[in-house]
Amino acid sequence: MLAWSVRISGLLAFTAAAALAVWTAGLANGVPLPAPGLTELAWVVGGLVWLRVLALWAWWFDEEYGWLPTRPERPVSLTKGGRPGPLRRLADREYESTAWVFLRQSAVWALVVMAIAAMNVLGSSHGSPYVRSLLQAGAAYTTATVAEVSDVDEVRNGDEELVGYHTTLVVTTPQGSRVRSDTAFTPHRPEPGDQVRILWAPTAPELGGLVGTDEPLDRYLKRDWGPTLRGVGPAALALLLVLTCMLPTAVGAEADGLQEQAWSPFAQTVHAAAITAVLAAVLPYLTGTLDYGYLGLAAVGLLALYIAMPVRALMA
């Protein structure tokens, strides 16, 4: 019964984590946060991960010390002399076939890849407090007319080629509002009367606006769910690391080594702590409070953890 508790809680944790990763990876750029349901789902993932760890420890103590009043007989491995340890006995059970172990491992790696994509989407889509303030005020993307130009600075690339201008602009919108943009970027030196595209809030023109950046500003107004290049790029890199680092070591470790790692309460407690740290880094983004600098570290740590798992199994 305890073994099934481990399996069921693990399946639920995986399903919830997959839903969270896929949902987050397809978030629209600049979607107002907190996004309903995402924060709650993150807490559910954390709770289920630790529920599996507790079930693992209960199962392990039962196997080692027989603390439950009654227990069915466990099959004994014939591959080694004497009574094998609980992890080896579990690995010998017919339910845990070699194909199942590698299928489960592949599913976990796929989830890691999706999680990397989701974290990059969060970090890149919601990295500007100023953009968030415009979105919260009801942003619009409008063609406006330049009324005033000041603080003109040339922008050059590494080869000292002129690529554009940073300026302070005051523009007039079709609604008649005058909006200031302190960090405007244009490929050509702006002059009064020029037409520019500006992201601003019609209900709060005093907030100013954004004119030109190195990315399309209208992306912040799109609200449809769907995969984006911001998620696909890091996911491709993570997949490459899986294929070059994790897969060869997993094959070398063989199914029984991976099985013991997956059912080791010691190893899985470390994994649960690492996953909790990742969720702690993600939660500020999901809630909209944003704590800069931790998503990248969390992504690297997550990859390192799941690279280390087959390496540890190989060395065991």
Protein backbone atom coordinates (compact mmCIF):
# COMPACT_ATOMS: atom_id res chain seq x y z
CA MET A 1 0.00 0.00 0.00
CA LEU A 2 2.81 2.42 0.85
CA ALA A 3 4.49 1.73 -2.49
CA TRP A 4 1.26 2.65 -4.25
CA SER A 5 1.04 5.84 -2.17
CA VAL A 6 4.48 6.76 -3.48
CA ARG A 7 3.45 6.03 -7.06
CA ILE A 8 0.13 7.87 -6.89
CA SER A 9 1.55 10.97 -5.19
CA GLY A 10 4.40 10.98 -7.70
CA LEU A 11 2.01 10.77 -10.63
CA LEU A 12 -0.12 13.59 -9.25
CA ALA A 13 2.97 15.75 -8.63
CA PHE A 14 4.22 15.12 -12.16
CA THR A 15 0.82 15.92 -13.67
CA ALA A 16 0.49 19.16 -11.69
CA ALA A 17 4.06 20.22 -12.52
CA ALA A 18 3.52 19.48 -16.22
CA ALA A 19 0.30 21.53 -16.22
CA LEU A 20 2.08 24.43 -14.49
CA ALA A 21 5.03 24.33 -16.92
CA VAL A 22 2.92 24.06 -20.08
CA TRP A 23 0.49 26.75 -18.91
CA THR A 24 3.31 29.15 -17.98
CA ALA A 25 5.33 28.48 -21.14
CA GLY A 26 2.38 29.64 -23.25
CA LEU A 27 1.56 32.80 -21.30
CA ALA A 28 1.05 35.90 -23.39
CA ASN A 29 3.87 38.42 -23.24
CA GLY A 30 3.22 40.91 -20.49
CA VAL A 31 0.06 39.23 -19.21
CA PRO A 32 -1.09 40.99 -16.02
CA LEU A 33 -0.09 39.07 -12.91
CA PRO A 34 -0.99 37.39 -10.66
CA ALA A 35 -2.52 35.02 -13.18
CA PRO A 36 -5.53 33.29 -11.58
CA GLY A 37 -4.83 29.66 -10.77
CA LEU A 38 -1.10 29.61 -11.49
CA THR A 39 0.04 30.52 -7.99
CA GLU A 40 -2.33 27.99 -6.44
CA LEU A 41 -1.09 25.30 -8.85
CA ALA A 42 2.52 26.03 -7.87
CA TRP A 43 1.62 25.43 -4.21
CA VAL A 44 -0.11 22.19 -5.17
CA VAL A 45 3.04 21.01 -6.95
CA GLY A 46 5.18 21.72 -3.91
CA GLY A 47 2.76 19.96 -1.59
CA LEU A 48 2.52 16.84 -3.77
CA VAL A 49 6.30 16.62 -4.14
CA TRP A 50 6.74 16.57 -0.37
CA LEU A 51 3.81 14.18 0.03
CA ARG A 52 5.70 11.70 -2.15
CA VAL A 53 8.84 12.17 -0.05
CA LEU A 54 6.91 11.47 3.16
CA ALA A 55 5.38 8.36 1.58
CA LEU A 56 8.86 7.24 0.51
CA TRP A 57 10.23 7.58 4.02
CA ALA A 58 7.25 5.68 5.44
CA TRP A 59 7.78 2.91 2.89
CA TRP A 60 11.52 2.79 3.59
CA PHE A 61 11.08 2.51 7.37
CA ASP A 62 8.50 -0.21 6.85
CA GLU A 63 10.90 -2.15 4.61
CA GLU A 64 13.80 -1.73 7.01
CA TYR A 65 12.15 -2.04 10.40
CA GLY A 66 8.66 -3.42 9.75
CA TRP A 67 6.97 -0.69 11.77
CA LEU A 68 3.53 -1.37 10.27
CA PRO A 69 1.45 -4.00 12.15
CA THR A 70 1.00 -6.29 9.13
CA ARG A 71 2.84 -6.44 5.83
CA PRO A 72 2.50 -8.72 2.81
CA GLU A 73 5.55 -10.74 1.86
CA ARG A 74 7.96 -8.98 -0.46
CA PRO A 75 9.65 -10.96 -3.23
CA VAL A 76 13.33 -11.68 -2.57
CA SER A 77 15.95 -10.99 -5.22
CA LEU A 78 18.05 -13.95 -6.34
CA THR A 79 20.68 -11.80 -8.00
CA LYS A 80 22.71 -11.20 -4.84
CA GLY A 81 23.46 -13.28 -1.78
CA GLY A 82 21.60 -12.66 1.48
CA ARG A 83 18.56 -10.48 1.98
CA PRO A 84 18.77 -7.48 -0.37
CA GLY A 85 18.04 -3.92 0.73
CA PRO A 86 14.60 -2.40 0.21
CA LEU A 87 15.58 -0.46 -2.91
CA ARG A 88 16.98 -3.57 -4.57
CA ARG A 89 13.89 -5.57 -3.62
CA LEU A 90 11.69 -2.89 -5.15
CA ALA A 91 13.79 -2.83 -8.34
CA ASP A 92 13.24 -6.59 -8.69
CA ARG A 93 9.47 -6.32 -8.67
CA GLU A 94 7.84 -7.10 -12.00
CA TYR A 95 6.03 -3.73 -12.08
CA GLU A 96 9.36 -1.94 -12.52
CA SER A 97 10.45 -3.16 -15.95
CA THR A 98 13.47 -1.69 -17.75
CA ALA A 99 11.22 -0.07 -20.35
CA TRP A 100 9.10 1.54 -17.62
CA VAL A 101 12.15 2.96 -15.80
CA PHE A 102 13.51 4.64 -18.95
CA LEU A 103 10.06 5.82 -20.00
CA ARG A 104 9.63 7.44 -16.58
CA GLN A 105 13.09 9.00 -16.81
CA SER A 106 12.31 10.40 -20.27
CA ALA A 107 9.07 11.92 -18.98
CA VAL A 108 10.96 13.66 -16.17
CA TRP A 109 13.50 15.05 -18.63
CA ALA A 110 10.72 16.32 -20.89
CA LEU A 111 9.23 18.08 -17.87
CA VAL A 112 12.61 19.66 -17.06
CA VAL A 113 12.87 20.96 -20.63
CA MET A 114 9.37 22.44 -20.43
CA ALA A 115 10.13 23.97 -17.02
CA ILE A 116 13.20 25.73 -18.46
CA ALA A 117 11.04 27.15 -21.25
CA ALA A 118 8.42 28.31 -18.74
CA MET A 119 10.97 30.07 -16.54
CA ASN A 120 12.43 31.90 -19.52
CA VAL A 121 8.98 33.06 -20.60
CA LEU A 122 8.32 34.40 -17.12
CA GLY A 123 11.65 36.18 -16.92
CA SER A 124 11.52 37.76 -20.38
CA SER A 125 7.85 38.67 -20.45
CA HIS A 126 7.55 40.36 -17.11
CA GLY A 127 10.96 41.89 -16.53
CA SER A 128 10.01 45.58 -16.70
CA PRO A 129 8.15 47.24 -13.82
CA TYR A 130 7.45 50.20 -16.08
CA VAL A 131 5.75 48.02 -18.70
CA ARG A 132 3.70 46.40 -15.95
CA SER A 133 2.53 49.81 -14.77
CA LEU A 134 1.36 50.66 -18.31
CA LEU A 135 -0.41 47.32 -18.68
CA GLN A 136 -2.15 47.68 -15.34
CA ALA A 137 -3.39 51.11 -16.44
CA GLY A 138 -4.78 49.70 -19.71
CA ALA A 139 -2.00 50.02 -22.28
CA ALA A 140 -2.53 50.73 -25.97
CA TYR A 141 -0.11 50.69 -28.92
CA THR A 142 -0.69 53.81 -31.01
CA THR A 143 0.82 55.79 -33.87
CA ALA A 144 1.64 59.27 -32.54
CA THR A 145 3.19 62.47 -33.88
CA VAL A 146 6.48 63.79 -32.50
CA ALA A 147 5.98 67.24 -30.96
CA GLU A 148 9.28 67.82 -29.15
CA VAL A 149 12.76 66.23 -29.31
CA SER A 150 15.51 66.60 -26.70
CA ASP A 151 18.51 64.77 -25.16
CA VAL A 152 19.61 63.18 -28.42
CA ASP A 153 22.31 60.49 -28.04
CA GLU A 154 23.76 58.39 -30.82
CA VAL A 155 23.72 54.59 -30.41
CA ARG A 156 26.62 52.68 -31.99
CA ASN A 157 27.39 48.98 -32.17
CA GLY A 158 30.70 47.27 -31.43
CA ASP A 159 32.06 48.32 -34.82
CA GLU A 160 31.23 51.95 -34.07
CA GLU A 161 28.50 51.95 -36.70
CA LEU A 162 25.55 54.23 -36.05
CA VAL A 163 22.45 52.08 -35.43
CA GLY A 164 20.01 54.61 -34.00
CA TYR A 165 19.27 57.33 -31.46
CA HIS A 166 18.19 57.47 -27.85
CA THR A 167 16.11 60.57 -27.25
CA THR A 168 13.50 62.14 -25.02
CA LEU A 169 10.30 62.69 -26.98
CA VAL A 170 7.00 64.38 -26.38
CA VAL A 171 4.37 63.01 -28.76
CA THR A 172 0.79 63.84 -29.52
CA THR A 173 -1.62 60.91 -29.78
CA PRO A 174 -4.73 60.78 -32.00
CA GLN A 175 -6.78 61.28 -28.81
CA GLY A 176 -5.04 64.65 -28.30
CA SER A 177 -2.95 63.57 -25.30
CA ARG A 178 0.64 64.69 -24.96
CA VAL A 179 2.81 61.80 -23.78
CA ARG A 180 6.46 61.90 -22.78
CA SER A 181 8.92 59.09 -23.55
CA ASP A 182 12.23 59.48 -21.72
CA THR A 183 13.95 56.46 -23.28
CA ALA A 184 12.78 56.54 -26.88
CA PHE A 185 14.82 54.65 -29.47
CA THR A 186 14.53 55.32 -33.20
CA PRO A 187 16.68 54.09 -36.09
CA HIS A 188 16.71 57.62 -37.53
CA ARG A 189 17.17 60.97 -35.81
CA PRO A 190 13.61 62.03 -34.90
CA GLU A 191 12.25 65.42 -35.89
CA PRO A 192 8.99 67.19 -34.95
CA GLY A 193 6.22 65.91 -37.19
CA ASP A 194 7.60 62.38 -37.51
CA GLN A 195 5.29 59.44 -36.91
CA VAL A 196 6.29 56.92 -34.21
CA ARG A 197 4.64 53.96 -32.49
CA ILE A 198 4.19 54.30 -28.74
CA LEU A 199 3.03 51.99 -25.96
CA TRP A 200 1.10 54.11 -23.47
CA ALA A 201 -1.95 54.11 -21.19
CA PRO A 202 -4.82 56.29 -22.51
CA THR A 203 -6.34 56.47 -19.01
CA ALA A 204 -3.03 57.56 -17.46
CA PRO A 205 -0.99 59.63 -19.96
CA GLU A 206 1.04 61.00 -17.05
CA LEU A 207 2.82 57.63 -16.92
CA GLY A 208 4.49 58.43 -20.23
CA GLY A 209 5.17 55.77 -22.80
CA LEU A 210 7.66 53.60 -24.65
CA VAL A 211 8.77 54.49 -28.16
CA GLY A 212 10.80 51.86 -29.96
CA THR A 213 12.97 49.19 -28.35
CA ASP A 214 14.81 46.18 -29.67
CA GLU A 215 11.54 44.22 -29.72
CA PRO A 216 7.97 44.76 -30.97
CA LEU A 217 6.01 46.56 -28.27
CA ASP A 218 2.64 45.32 -29.48
CA ARG A 219 3.52 41.85 -28.12
CA TYR A 220 2.51 43.10 -24.67
CA LEU A 221 -1.07 43.48 -25.81
CA LYS A 222 -1.50 39.92 -27.09
CA ARG A 223 -3.42 37.71 -24.69
CA ASP A 224 -3.70 34.38 -26.53
CA TRP A 225 -1.99 31.35 -25.02
CA GLY A 226 0.61 29.71 -27.21
CA PRO A 227 4.29 28.74 -27.49
CA THR A 228 6.72 31.56 -28.27
CA LEU A 229 10.32 31.77 -29.44
CA ARG A 230 11.22 33.02 -25.97
CA GLY A 231 10.24 29.63 -24.64
CA VAL A 232 11.39 27.44 -27.51
CA GLY A 233 14.99 28.72 -27.58
CA PRO A 234 15.98 27.79 -24.00
CA ALA A 235 13.98 24.56 -24.29
CA ALA A 236 16.08 23.55 -27.30
CA LEU A 237 19.27 24.20 -25.31
CA ALA A 238 17.95 22.20 -22.37
CA LEU A 239 17.02 19.35 -24.71
CA LEU A 240 20.54 19.38 -26.12
CA LEU A 241 21.95 19.05 -22.61
CA VAL A 242 19.60 16.15 -21.93
CA LEU A 243 20.75 14.32 -25.04
CA THR A 244 24.46 14.99 -24.57
CA CYS A 245 24.81 14.79 -20.78
CA MET A 246 21.90 12.95 -19.21
CA LEU A 247 21.03 10.26 -21.74
CA PRO A 248 24.51 8.67 -22.05
CA THR A 249 24.99 8.49 -18.28
CA ALA A 250 21.48 7.10 -17.79
CA VAL A 251 22.16 4.32 -20.31
CA GLY A 252 25.45 3.59 -18.58
CA ALA A 253 23.84 3.52 -15.14
CA GLU A 254 21.23 1.01 -16.36
CA ALA A 255 17.65 0.72 -15.20
CA ASP A 256 18.31 -0.72 -11.76
CA GLY A 257 20.57 2.21 -10.82
CA LEU A 258 17.99 4.74 -11.93
CA GLN A 259 15.29 2.78 -10.13
CA GLU A 260 17.18 2.91 -6.85
CA GLN A 261 17.71 6.66 -7.22
CA ALA A 262 14.02 7.22 -7.96
CA TRP A 263 13.01 5.26 -4.86
CA SER A 264 15.73 6.47 -2.51
CA PRO A 265 14.16 8.67 0.18
CA PHE A 266 17.54 10.35 0.70
CA ALA A 267 17.96 11.30 -2.99
CA GLN A 268 14.32 12.28 -3.38
CA THR A 269 14.45 14.52 -0.32
CA VAL A 270 17.28 16.43 -2.00
CA HIS A 271 15.21 16.61 -5.19
CA ALA A 272 12.17 17.88 -3.29
CA ALA A 273 14.27 20.60 -1.64
CA ALA A 274 15.65 21.65 -5.04
CA ILE A 275 12.19 21.71 -6.62
CA THR A 276 10.94 23.80 -3.69
CA ALA A 277 13.77 26.26 -4.31
CA VAL A 278 12.77 26.49 -7.98
CA LEU A 279 9.14 27.14 -7.03
CA ALA A 280 10.30 29.81 -4.56
CA ALA A 281 12.11 31.54 -7.43
CA VAL A 282 9.08 31.28 -9.71
CA LEU A 283 6.39 32.38 -7.24
CA PRO A 284 7.38 36.09 -7.18
CA TYR A 285 6.90 36.18 -10.95
CA LEU A 286 3.58 34.36 -10.82
CA THR A 287 2.31 36.71 -8.12
CA GLY A 288 3.64 39.82 -9.86
CA THR A 289 5.95 40.87 -7.00
CA LEU A 290 9.06 39.89 -9.00
CA ASP A 291 12.40 39.19 -7.37
CA TYR A 292 15.04 39.71 -9.99
CA GLY A 293 18.02 37.48 -10.57
CA TYR A 294 16.80 34.11 -9.29
CA LEU A 295 15.08 32.53 -12.30
CA GLY A 296 18.32 32.00 -14.20
CA LEU A 297 19.96 30.46 -11.15
CA ALA A 298 16.94 28.23 -10.62
CA ALA A 299 17.04 27.01 -14.23
CA VAL A 300 20.74 26.17 -14.01
CA GLY A 301 20.20 24.41 -10.69
CA LEU A 302 17.32 22.36 -12.08
CA LEU A 303 19.40 21.19 -15.02
CA ALA A 304 22.36 20.40 -12.76
CA LEU A 305 20.13 18.34 -10.46
CA TYR A 306 18.82 16.14 -13.24
CA ILE A 307 22.23 15.80 -14.83
CA ALA A 308 23.58 14.66 -11.46
CA MET A 309 20.88 12.03 -10.97
CA PRO A 310 22.06 9.58 -13.67
CA VAL A 311 25.67 10.39 -12.81
CA ARG A 312 25.00 9.41 -9.20
CA ALA A 313 23.27 6.23 -10.37
CA LEU A 314 26.25 5.43 -12.59
CA MET A 315 28.66 5.82 -9.65
CA ALA A 316 26.54 3.82 -7.19
